[in-house]
N, C-alpha and C. Protein backbone atom coordinates (compact mmCIF):
# COMPACT_ATOMS: atom_id res chain seq x y z
N MET A 1 0.85 -1.17 0.00
CA MET A 1 0.00 0.00 0.00
C MET A 1 0.90 1.24 0.00
N ARG A 2 0.74 2.12 -0.98
CA ARG A 2 1.55 3.33 -1.10
C ARG A 2 1.06 4.39 -0.11
N THR A 3 1.99 5.06 0.51
CA THR A 3 1.61 6.11 1.44
C THR A 3 2.13 7.46 0.96
N VAL A 4 1.38 8.50 1.16
CA VAL A 4 1.82 9.84 0.78
C VAL A 4 2.33 10.61 1.98
N TRP A 5 2.46 9.96 3.13
CA TRP A 5 2.85 10.67 4.34
C TRP A 5 4.16 11.42 4.21
N PRO A 6 5.19 10.89 3.52
CA PRO A 6 6.44 11.65 3.41
C PRO A 6 6.26 13.01 2.74
N ARG A 7 5.20 13.21 1.96
CA ARG A 7 4.97 14.51 1.32
C ARG A 7 4.31 15.50 2.24
N LEU A 8 4.18 15.16 3.51
CA LEU A 8 3.47 15.99 4.47
C LEU A 8 4.00 17.42 4.47
N THR A 9 3.11 18.36 4.35
CA THR A 9 3.45 19.76 4.47
C THR A 9 3.44 20.09 5.95
N THR A 10 4.55 20.64 6.45
CA THR A 10 4.63 20.87 7.88
C THR A 10 4.57 22.34 8.21
N GLY A 11 4.45 22.61 9.50
CA GLY A 11 4.53 23.97 10.01
C GLY A 11 3.21 24.69 10.03
N LEU A 12 3.27 25.89 10.51
CA LEU A 12 2.08 26.72 10.66
C LEU A 12 1.43 27.02 9.33
N ALA A 13 2.21 27.18 8.27
CA ALA A 13 1.62 27.50 6.97
C ALA A 13 0.61 26.44 6.56
N ALA A 14 0.93 25.17 6.78
CA ALA A 14 -0.02 24.10 6.42
C ALA A 14 -1.26 24.18 7.29
N GLY A 15 -1.08 24.47 8.56
CA GLY A 15 -2.24 24.58 9.45
C GLY A 15 -3.13 25.74 9.05
N VAL A 16 -2.53 26.84 8.71
CA VAL A 16 -3.31 28.01 8.29
C VAL A 16 -4.04 27.69 6.99
N MET A 17 -3.36 26.99 6.07
CA MET A 17 -4.02 26.63 4.82
C MET A 17 -5.19 25.69 5.09
N ALA A 18 -5.02 24.74 5.98
CA ALA A 18 -6.11 23.80 6.28
C ALA A 18 -7.30 24.55 6.85
N ALA A 19 -7.06 25.42 7.78
CA ALA A 19 -8.16 26.20 8.36
C ALA A 19 -8.74 27.15 7.33
N GLY A 20 -7.90 27.71 6.52
CA GLY A 20 -8.37 28.63 5.50
C GLY A 20 -9.30 27.97 4.50
N LEU A 21 -9.09 26.70 4.22
CA LEU A 21 -9.99 26.00 3.31
C LEU A 21 -11.40 25.96 3.87
N LEU A 22 -11.52 25.83 5.17
CA LEU A 22 -12.84 25.77 5.77
C LEU A 22 -13.56 27.10 5.63
N LEU A 23 -12.86 28.17 5.90
CA LEU A 23 -13.53 29.45 6.02
C LEU A 23 -13.25 30.42 4.88
N SER A 24 -12.33 30.10 4.00
CA SER A 24 -11.98 31.05 2.95
C SER A 24 -12.08 30.45 1.56
N GLY A 25 -12.52 29.24 1.42
CA GLY A 25 -12.64 28.60 0.12
C GLY A 25 -11.34 27.96 -0.28
N CYS A 26 -11.36 27.29 -1.43
CA CYS A 26 -10.21 26.49 -1.84
C CYS A 26 -9.44 27.08 -2.98
N GLY A 27 -10.06 27.85 -3.82
CA GLY A 27 -9.41 28.31 -5.02
C GLY A 27 -8.68 29.61 -4.81
N GLY A 28 -8.13 30.09 -5.89
CA GLY A 28 -7.48 31.39 -5.86
C GLY A 28 -8.53 32.47 -5.95
N ASP A 29 -8.15 33.57 -6.60
CA ASP A 29 -9.11 34.65 -6.75
C ASP A 29 -10.30 34.17 -7.56
N SER A 30 -11.47 34.50 -7.12
CA SER A 30 -12.67 34.10 -7.84
C SER A 30 -13.31 35.35 -8.43
N PRO A 31 -14.16 35.16 -9.44
CA PRO A 31 -14.83 36.33 -10.00
C PRO A 31 -15.70 36.99 -8.95
N GLU A 32 -16.15 38.19 -9.27
CA GLU A 32 -17.01 38.94 -8.35
C GLU A 32 -18.14 38.05 -7.87
N PRO A 33 -18.33 37.93 -6.55
CA PRO A 33 -19.38 37.06 -6.05
C PRO A 33 -20.77 37.58 -6.39
N LYS A 34 -21.69 36.63 -6.56
CA LYS A 34 -23.09 36.99 -6.79
C LYS A 34 -23.72 37.35 -5.46
N PRO A 35 -24.69 38.25 -5.46
CA PRO A 35 -25.31 38.62 -4.18
C PRO A 35 -26.08 37.44 -3.60
N LEU A 36 -26.13 37.39 -2.28
CA LEU A 36 -26.91 36.37 -1.59
C LEU A 36 -28.38 36.71 -1.71
N PRO A 37 -29.25 35.70 -1.60
CA PRO A 37 -30.67 36.00 -1.57
C PRO A 37 -30.98 36.88 -0.36
N LYS A 38 -32.04 37.67 -0.46
CA LYS A 38 -32.44 38.54 0.64
C LYS A 38 -32.79 37.70 1.85
N GLU A 39 -32.37 38.15 3.01
CA GLU A 39 -32.66 37.45 4.26
C GLU A 39 -33.44 38.37 5.17
N SER A 40 -33.90 37.83 6.26
CA SER A 40 -34.65 38.65 7.20
C SER A 40 -33.74 39.72 7.78
N LYS A 41 -34.33 40.73 8.38
CA LYS A 41 -33.58 41.85 8.94
C LYS A 41 -32.79 41.47 10.19
N SER A 42 -33.10 40.34 10.82
CA SER A 42 -32.37 39.96 12.02
C SER A 42 -30.93 39.65 11.65
N SER A 43 -30.03 39.84 12.58
CA SER A 43 -28.62 39.62 12.28
C SER A 43 -28.36 38.13 12.13
N PRO A 44 -27.41 37.77 11.23
CA PRO A 44 -27.10 36.37 11.05
C PRO A 44 -26.52 35.80 12.33
N SER A 45 -26.84 34.56 12.59
CA SER A 45 -26.28 33.90 13.76
C SER A 45 -26.21 32.42 13.49
N ALA A 46 -25.59 31.72 14.39
CA ALA A 46 -25.49 30.28 14.27
C ALA A 46 -26.89 29.68 14.32
N SER A 47 -27.02 28.55 13.69
CA SER A 47 -28.31 27.86 13.68
C SER A 47 -28.66 27.38 15.07
N PRO A 48 -29.79 27.82 15.62
CA PRO A 48 -30.13 27.42 16.97
C PRO A 48 -30.50 25.95 17.08
N SER A 49 -30.87 25.31 15.95
CA SER A 49 -31.26 23.92 16.02
C SER A 49 -30.08 22.96 15.86
N ALA A 50 -28.93 23.49 15.49
CA ALA A 50 -27.78 22.63 15.28
C ALA A 50 -27.26 22.09 16.61
N THR A 51 -26.97 20.81 16.62
CA THR A 51 -26.37 20.20 17.80
C THR A 51 -25.10 19.49 17.36
N PRO A 52 -24.10 19.46 18.21
CA PRO A 52 -22.85 18.80 17.82
C PRO A 52 -23.07 17.31 17.58
N PRO A 53 -22.36 16.75 16.62
CA PRO A 53 -22.50 15.31 16.39
C PRO A 53 -21.97 14.51 17.59
N ALA A 54 -22.65 13.42 17.88
CA ALA A 54 -22.23 12.55 18.99
C ALA A 54 -21.10 11.64 18.54
N MET A 55 -20.18 11.39 19.44
CA MET A 55 -19.08 10.47 19.15
C MET A 55 -19.65 9.08 18.90
N PRO A 56 -19.37 8.49 17.74
CA PRO A 56 -19.88 7.14 17.49
C PRO A 56 -19.20 6.11 18.37
N ALA A 57 -19.93 5.08 18.74
CA ALA A 57 -19.38 4.02 19.59
C ALA A 57 -18.14 3.40 18.94
N ALA A 58 -18.15 3.27 17.61
CA ALA A 58 -17.02 2.67 16.91
C ALA A 58 -15.72 3.46 17.10
N ALA A 59 -15.83 4.75 17.41
CA ALA A 59 -14.64 5.59 17.55
C ALA A 59 -14.05 5.55 18.96
N LYS A 60 -14.66 4.82 19.86
CA LYS A 60 -14.22 4.80 21.25
C LYS A 60 -13.22 3.69 21.56
N GLN A 61 -12.92 2.87 20.57
CA GLN A 61 -11.99 1.75 20.77
C GLN A 61 -10.56 2.17 20.42
N GLU A 62 -9.65 1.20 20.33
CA GLU A 62 -8.25 1.51 20.02
C GLU A 62 -7.76 0.92 18.70
N SER A 63 -8.63 0.37 17.90
CA SER A 63 -8.24 -0.28 16.65
C SER A 63 -8.09 0.75 15.51
N ASP A 64 -7.57 0.25 14.37
CA ASP A 64 -7.50 1.10 13.18
C ASP A 64 -8.90 1.52 12.73
N ARG A 65 -9.87 0.62 12.85
CA ARG A 65 -11.25 0.97 12.51
C ARG A 65 -11.77 2.08 13.42
N ALA A 66 -11.37 2.03 14.67
CA ALA A 66 -11.81 3.07 15.62
C ALA A 66 -11.21 4.42 15.27
N VAL A 67 -9.94 4.45 14.92
CA VAL A 67 -9.32 5.74 14.59
C VAL A 67 -9.91 6.28 13.28
N GLU A 68 -10.26 5.39 12.35
CA GLU A 68 -10.94 5.84 11.13
C GLU A 68 -12.30 6.44 11.47
N ALA A 69 -13.05 5.77 12.34
CA ALA A 69 -14.35 6.31 12.77
C ALA A 69 -14.17 7.65 13.47
N PHE A 70 -13.10 7.78 14.27
CA PHE A 70 -12.82 9.05 14.94
C PHE A 70 -12.52 10.14 13.91
N ALA A 71 -11.71 9.84 12.89
CA ALA A 71 -11.37 10.83 11.86
C ALA A 71 -12.63 11.30 11.13
N ARG A 72 -13.52 10.38 10.82
CA ARG A 72 -14.78 10.74 10.17
C ARG A 72 -15.62 11.63 11.10
N HIS A 73 -15.62 11.28 12.37
CA HIS A 73 -16.36 12.10 13.35
C HIS A 73 -15.76 13.51 13.43
N TYR A 74 -14.44 13.59 13.42
CA TYR A 74 -13.78 14.89 13.50
C TYR A 74 -14.18 15.78 12.31
N VAL A 75 -14.26 15.20 11.12
CA VAL A 75 -14.71 15.97 9.95
C VAL A 75 -16.15 16.42 10.15
N ASP A 76 -16.99 15.57 10.72
CA ASP A 76 -18.37 15.99 11.04
C ASP A 76 -18.37 17.17 12.01
N VAL A 77 -17.44 17.17 12.96
CA VAL A 77 -17.35 18.26 13.93
C VAL A 77 -16.85 19.54 13.25
N ILE A 78 -15.92 19.42 12.31
CA ILE A 78 -15.50 20.59 11.53
C ILE A 78 -16.71 21.19 10.82
N ASN A 79 -17.53 20.34 10.20
CA ASN A 79 -18.72 20.83 9.50
C ASN A 79 -19.70 21.48 10.48
N TYR A 80 -19.87 20.90 11.64
CA TYR A 80 -20.74 21.50 12.66
C TYR A 80 -20.21 22.88 13.07
N THR A 81 -18.92 22.98 13.28
CA THR A 81 -18.30 24.25 13.67
C THR A 81 -18.53 25.31 12.60
N ALA A 82 -18.41 24.93 11.33
CA ALA A 82 -18.64 25.88 10.24
C ALA A 82 -20.09 26.32 10.17
N ARG A 83 -21.03 25.42 10.46
CA ARG A 83 -22.46 25.76 10.41
C ARG A 83 -22.90 26.57 11.62
N SER A 84 -22.24 26.37 12.77
CA SER A 84 -22.75 26.95 14.01
C SER A 84 -21.88 28.07 14.59
N GLY A 85 -20.59 28.05 14.30
CA GLY A 85 -19.69 28.99 14.95
C GLY A 85 -19.30 28.56 16.35
N GLU A 86 -19.76 27.43 16.80
CA GLU A 86 -19.45 26.93 18.14
C GLU A 86 -18.13 26.16 18.10
N ARG A 87 -17.16 26.62 18.85
CA ARG A 87 -15.84 26.00 18.77
C ARG A 87 -15.56 24.97 19.85
N GLU A 88 -16.36 24.89 20.87
CA GLU A 88 -16.08 23.97 21.97
C GLU A 88 -15.96 22.51 21.52
N PRO A 89 -16.84 22.00 20.63
CA PRO A 89 -16.69 20.60 20.22
C PRO A 89 -15.37 20.31 19.51
N ILE A 90 -14.92 21.21 18.65
CA ILE A 90 -13.65 20.97 17.96
C ILE A 90 -12.47 21.13 18.92
N ASP A 91 -12.57 22.09 19.84
CA ASP A 91 -11.50 22.27 20.83
C ASP A 91 -11.37 21.04 21.73
N THR A 92 -12.50 20.43 22.08
CA THR A 92 -12.49 19.25 22.95
C THR A 92 -11.78 18.08 22.29
N LEU A 93 -11.90 17.94 20.97
CA LEU A 93 -11.30 16.81 20.25
C LEU A 93 -9.90 17.09 19.74
N SER A 94 -9.39 18.30 19.96
CA SER A 94 -8.09 18.71 19.43
C SER A 94 -7.07 18.82 20.55
N ALA A 95 -5.86 18.35 20.27
CA ALA A 95 -4.77 18.50 21.23
C ALA A 95 -4.39 19.98 21.33
N ASP A 96 -3.84 20.37 22.46
CA ASP A 96 -3.47 21.77 22.69
C ASP A 96 -2.54 22.32 21.61
N GLY A 97 -1.67 21.50 21.06
CA GLY A 97 -0.70 21.99 20.08
C GLY A 97 -1.16 21.96 18.64
N CYS A 98 -2.40 21.57 18.36
CA CYS A 98 -2.87 21.51 16.97
C CYS A 98 -3.29 22.91 16.53
N GLU A 99 -2.38 23.61 15.86
CA GLU A 99 -2.61 24.99 15.46
C GLU A 99 -3.72 25.11 14.43
N SER A 100 -3.76 24.22 13.43
CA SER A 100 -4.80 24.33 12.41
C SER A 100 -6.17 24.01 13.01
N CYS A 101 -6.22 23.08 13.96
CA CYS A 101 -7.49 22.75 14.63
C CYS A 101 -8.02 23.99 15.37
N ALA A 102 -7.14 24.63 16.12
CA ALA A 102 -7.53 25.81 16.88
C ALA A 102 -7.97 26.94 15.95
N LEU A 103 -7.28 27.08 14.83
CA LEU A 103 -7.61 28.15 13.89
C LEU A 103 -8.98 27.93 13.25
N ILE A 104 -9.32 26.68 12.93
CA ILE A 104 -10.64 26.39 12.37
C ILE A 104 -11.72 26.86 13.35
N GLY A 105 -11.60 26.46 14.61
CA GLY A 105 -12.58 26.87 15.61
C GLY A 105 -12.61 28.36 15.84
N LYS A 106 -11.45 28.97 15.92
CA LYS A 106 -11.36 30.41 16.17
C LYS A 106 -11.98 31.22 15.04
N ARG A 107 -11.66 30.85 13.80
CA ARG A 107 -12.19 31.63 12.66
C ARG A 107 -13.69 31.46 12.51
N ALA A 108 -14.21 30.27 12.73
CA ALA A 108 -15.66 30.07 12.65
C ALA A 108 -16.36 30.86 13.74
N ALA A 109 -15.85 30.78 14.97
CA ALA A 109 -16.46 31.51 16.09
C ALA A 109 -16.43 33.02 15.84
N ARG A 110 -15.32 33.52 15.33
CA ARG A 110 -15.21 34.96 15.06
C ARG A 110 -16.17 35.38 13.95
N THR A 111 -16.30 34.57 12.91
CA THR A 111 -17.21 34.89 11.81
C THR A 111 -18.63 35.09 12.34
N TYR A 112 -19.12 34.15 13.14
CA TYR A 112 -20.48 34.26 13.67
C TYR A 112 -20.60 35.36 14.72
N ALA A 113 -19.58 35.55 15.54
CA ALA A 113 -19.62 36.60 16.57
C ALA A 113 -19.70 37.99 15.93
N GLU A 114 -19.11 38.13 14.74
CA GLU A 114 -19.13 39.42 14.04
C GLU A 114 -20.31 39.55 13.09
N GLY A 115 -21.29 38.66 13.23
CA GLY A 115 -22.50 38.75 12.41
C GLY A 115 -22.39 38.10 11.05
N GLY A 116 -21.34 37.34 10.81
CA GLY A 116 -21.16 36.68 9.53
C GLY A 116 -21.81 35.31 9.50
N ARG A 117 -21.58 34.60 8.41
CA ARG A 117 -22.14 33.26 8.27
C ARG A 117 -21.35 32.47 7.24
N ILE A 118 -21.46 31.16 7.34
CA ILE A 118 -20.83 30.24 6.40
C ILE A 118 -21.92 29.30 5.93
N ARG A 119 -22.13 29.22 4.63
CA ARG A 119 -23.17 28.36 4.07
C ARG A 119 -22.55 27.40 3.07
N GLY A 120 -22.86 26.14 3.21
CA GLY A 120 -22.38 25.12 2.29
C GLY A 120 -22.58 23.75 2.92
N GLU A 121 -22.27 22.74 2.18
CA GLU A 121 -22.44 21.36 2.66
C GLU A 121 -21.21 20.85 3.40
N GLY A 122 -20.14 21.63 3.41
CA GLY A 122 -18.96 21.25 4.20
C GLY A 122 -18.06 20.24 3.54
N TRP A 123 -17.35 19.50 4.39
CA TRP A 123 -16.37 18.52 3.96
C TRP A 123 -16.97 17.13 4.00
N SER A 124 -16.53 16.26 3.09
CA SER A 124 -16.84 14.83 3.17
C SER A 124 -15.57 14.07 2.80
N ILE A 125 -15.42 12.92 3.39
CA ILE A 125 -14.24 12.09 3.14
C ILE A 125 -14.56 11.14 2.00
N SER A 126 -13.78 11.22 0.92
CA SER A 126 -13.98 10.28 -0.19
C SER A 126 -13.01 9.11 -0.12
N ARG A 127 -11.89 9.29 0.61
CA ARG A 127 -10.92 8.21 0.79
C ARG A 127 -10.24 8.42 2.12
N ILE A 128 -10.02 7.33 2.82
CA ILE A 128 -9.32 7.41 4.11
C ILE A 128 -8.42 6.19 4.24
N ASN A 129 -7.22 6.41 4.74
CA ASN A 129 -6.27 5.33 4.93
C ASN A 129 -5.57 5.54 6.27
N VAL A 130 -5.74 4.61 7.17
CA VAL A 130 -5.00 4.62 8.42
C VAL A 130 -3.70 3.87 8.15
N VAL A 131 -2.57 4.56 8.29
CA VAL A 131 -1.29 3.92 8.03
C VAL A 131 -1.15 2.77 9.03
N PRO A 132 -0.91 1.54 8.54
CA PRO A 132 -0.94 0.37 9.42
C PRO A 132 0.25 0.26 10.39
N LYS A 133 0.03 -0.56 11.41
CA LYS A 133 1.07 -0.97 12.37
C LYS A 133 1.75 0.20 13.05
N GLN A 134 0.96 1.04 13.67
CA GLN A 134 1.50 2.19 14.37
C GLN A 134 1.17 2.11 15.85
N SER A 135 1.95 2.84 16.62
CA SER A 135 1.65 3.01 18.04
C SER A 135 0.36 3.81 18.16
N ARG A 136 -0.43 3.53 19.16
CA ARG A 136 -1.67 4.28 19.38
C ARG A 136 -1.36 5.70 19.86
N GLU A 137 -0.11 5.98 20.20
CA GLU A 137 0.24 7.33 20.66
C GLU A 137 0.23 8.35 19.52
N ARG A 138 0.55 7.91 18.30
CA ARG A 138 0.54 8.79 17.13
C ARG A 138 0.13 7.96 15.92
N VAL A 139 -1.11 8.09 15.51
CA VAL A 139 -1.62 7.33 14.37
C VAL A 139 -1.77 8.29 13.20
N TYR A 140 -1.16 7.92 12.06
CA TYR A 140 -1.20 8.76 10.87
C TYR A 140 -2.35 8.31 9.97
N ILE A 141 -3.14 9.28 9.53
CA ILE A 141 -4.31 9.02 8.72
C ILE A 141 -4.24 9.92 7.49
N GLU A 142 -4.37 9.32 6.32
CA GLU A 142 -4.41 10.07 5.07
C GLU A 142 -5.86 10.15 4.62
N MET A 143 -6.31 11.34 4.24
CA MET A 143 -7.70 11.52 3.84
C MET A 143 -7.79 12.36 2.57
N THR A 144 -8.67 11.96 1.68
CA THR A 144 -9.05 12.80 0.56
C THR A 144 -10.39 13.43 0.94
N ILE A 145 -10.41 14.74 0.97
CA ILE A 145 -11.59 15.51 1.39
C ILE A 145 -12.20 16.18 0.17
N GLU A 146 -13.50 16.00 0.03
CA GLU A 146 -14.27 16.73 -0.98
C GLU A 146 -14.91 17.90 -0.25
N GLN A 147 -14.53 19.10 -0.62
CA GLN A 147 -15.13 20.28 -0.01
C GLN A 147 -16.18 20.83 -0.96
N ALA A 148 -17.41 20.91 -0.47
CA ALA A 148 -18.52 21.43 -1.27
C ALA A 148 -18.35 22.94 -1.46
N PRO A 149 -18.95 23.48 -2.50
CA PRO A 149 -18.93 24.94 -2.66
C PRO A 149 -19.53 25.61 -1.42
N GLU A 150 -19.05 26.78 -1.11
CA GLU A 150 -19.60 27.49 0.05
C GLU A 150 -19.64 28.99 -0.20
N THR A 151 -20.47 29.64 0.59
CA THR A 151 -20.58 31.09 0.58
C THR A 151 -20.23 31.58 1.97
N VAL A 152 -19.33 32.54 2.04
CA VAL A 152 -18.86 33.06 3.32
C VAL A 152 -19.11 34.56 3.37
N VAL A 153 -19.76 34.99 4.44
CA VAL A 153 -19.88 36.41 4.76
C VAL A 153 -19.05 36.57 6.03
N ALA A 154 -17.90 37.22 5.93
CA ALA A 154 -16.94 37.26 7.03
C ALA A 154 -17.46 37.99 8.26
N LYS A 155 -18.29 39.01 8.05
CA LYS A 155 -18.86 39.76 9.18
C LYS A 155 -20.08 40.52 8.69
N SER A 156 -20.84 41.05 9.60
CA SER A 156 -22.04 41.81 9.26
C SER A 156 -21.68 42.94 8.29
N GLY A 157 -22.42 43.04 7.21
CA GLY A 157 -22.20 44.09 6.24
C GLY A 157 -21.16 43.77 5.18
N ALA A 158 -20.42 42.69 5.34
CA ALA A 158 -19.39 42.32 4.36
C ALA A 158 -20.04 41.68 3.14
N LYS A 159 -19.37 41.79 2.01
CA LYS A 159 -19.85 41.15 0.79
C LYS A 159 -19.68 39.65 0.91
N ALA A 160 -20.63 38.92 0.38
CA ALA A 160 -20.55 37.46 0.35
C ALA A 160 -19.48 37.04 -0.65
N LYS A 161 -18.72 36.04 -0.29
CA LYS A 161 -17.74 35.45 -1.20
C LYS A 161 -18.14 34.01 -1.43
N ARG A 162 -18.17 33.63 -2.70
CA ARG A 162 -18.50 32.25 -3.06
C ARG A 162 -17.22 31.53 -3.44
N PHE A 163 -17.10 30.29 -2.98
CA PHE A 163 -15.94 29.47 -3.26
C PHE A 163 -16.40 28.17 -3.90
N PRO A 164 -15.69 27.70 -4.92
CA PRO A 164 -16.16 26.56 -5.70
C PRO A 164 -16.02 25.21 -5.03
N GLY A 165 -15.25 25.09 -3.97
CA GLY A 165 -15.00 23.77 -3.39
C GLY A 165 -13.90 23.07 -4.16
N GLY A 166 -13.71 21.80 -3.87
CA GLY A 166 -12.67 21.04 -4.56
C GLY A 166 -12.25 19.82 -3.76
N THR A 167 -11.23 19.13 -4.29
CA THR A 167 -10.71 17.92 -3.68
C THR A 167 -9.33 18.22 -3.10
N HIS A 168 -9.11 17.81 -1.85
CA HIS A 168 -7.85 18.09 -1.16
C HIS A 168 -7.40 16.87 -0.37
N THR A 169 -6.10 16.72 -0.26
CA THR A 169 -5.54 15.65 0.55
C THR A 169 -5.06 16.23 1.87
N PHE A 170 -5.49 15.61 2.97
CA PHE A 170 -5.09 16.02 4.31
C PHE A 170 -4.44 14.84 5.01
N ASN A 171 -3.50 15.15 5.86
CA ASN A 171 -2.96 14.16 6.79
C ASN A 171 -3.34 14.58 8.19
N MET A 172 -3.77 13.61 8.95
CA MET A 172 -4.16 13.83 10.34
C MET A 172 -3.28 12.94 11.20
N VAL A 173 -2.90 13.46 12.34
CA VAL A 173 -2.24 12.65 13.36
C VAL A 173 -3.18 12.60 14.55
N ALA A 174 -3.61 11.40 14.90
CA ALA A 174 -4.49 11.22 16.05
C ALA A 174 -3.70 10.54 17.15
N SER A 175 -3.98 10.92 18.37
CA SER A 175 -3.30 10.34 19.54
C SER A 175 -4.36 9.76 20.46
N ARG A 176 -4.04 8.61 21.02
CA ARG A 176 -4.95 7.97 21.96
C ARG A 176 -4.59 8.43 23.37
N LYS A 177 -5.56 9.00 24.04
CA LYS A 177 -5.42 9.42 25.44
C LYS A 177 -6.31 8.52 26.27
N LYS A 178 -6.21 8.62 27.57
CA LYS A 178 -7.00 7.72 28.43
C LYS A 178 -8.50 7.85 28.21
N ASP A 179 -8.96 9.04 27.84
CA ASP A 179 -10.40 9.23 27.67
C ASP A 179 -10.84 9.25 26.20
N GLY A 180 -9.96 8.90 25.27
CA GLY A 180 -10.34 8.83 23.87
C GLY A 180 -9.29 9.42 22.95
N TRP A 181 -9.65 9.60 21.69
CA TRP A 181 -8.75 10.12 20.67
C TRP A 181 -8.76 11.65 20.66
N THR A 182 -7.63 12.22 20.26
CA THR A 182 -7.55 13.66 19.97
C THR A 182 -6.78 13.84 18.67
N VAL A 183 -6.99 14.98 18.03
CA VAL A 183 -6.23 15.30 16.81
C VAL A 183 -5.02 16.14 17.23
N ALA A 184 -3.84 15.61 16.95
CA ALA A 184 -2.60 16.31 17.27
C ALA A 184 -2.16 17.21 16.12
N ARG A 185 -2.50 16.83 14.89
CA ARG A 185 -2.15 17.62 13.70
C ARG A 185 -3.21 17.40 12.64
N LEU A 186 -3.41 18.43 11.83
CA LEU A 186 -4.25 18.33 10.64
C LEU A 186 -3.57 19.19 9.59
N ASP A 187 -2.99 18.54 8.57
CA ASP A 187 -2.18 19.25 7.58
C ASP A 187 -2.70 19.03 6.17
N LEU A 188 -2.72 20.11 5.42
CA LEU A 188 -3.06 20.05 4.01
C LEU A 188 -1.83 19.57 3.24
N VAL A 189 -2.00 18.54 2.41
CA VAL A 189 -0.90 18.03 1.60
C VAL A 189 -1.04 18.54 0.18
N ALA A 190 -2.21 18.42 -0.38
CA ALA A 190 -2.43 18.87 -1.77
C ALA A 190 -3.89 19.22 -1.96
């Protein structure tokens, strides 16, 4: 089985790029965005009906299948954070040193706090590979993420920006702690 892990993009730049894909789109400069449909006069806010996804039972074990289930859950939490602006669920699943994880939560929370919004279907995993025979302390996971098109209004009164979405390769490092898995790194590879 071929692994792309050696191509890992390291450092803060990769973390910023990973977080930027969530909140800033995937492509380069895009043409002038189309206006959003008219909305009610109330200020935009997180969806009050949104609830964080529950950790699946399959993700609570220590096997490769469990870490794969955890990675899928983490992507669901990223999508929840983008829809709601609530960062606590992503912070809970992220290790203290995961800069890109923290940036995803921080940027989503700031967007909603400033009256902005993020609209789109989010991320989905089209391919996932848990690199075999690893210590549970650092498990490397390769993922191909399909990012749906999205519209971002950075703050109240800002122009909406539309982003086309796309396919991206991410590497995740998950660590097993006594109370479950955490994401130690999330890096954009391509």
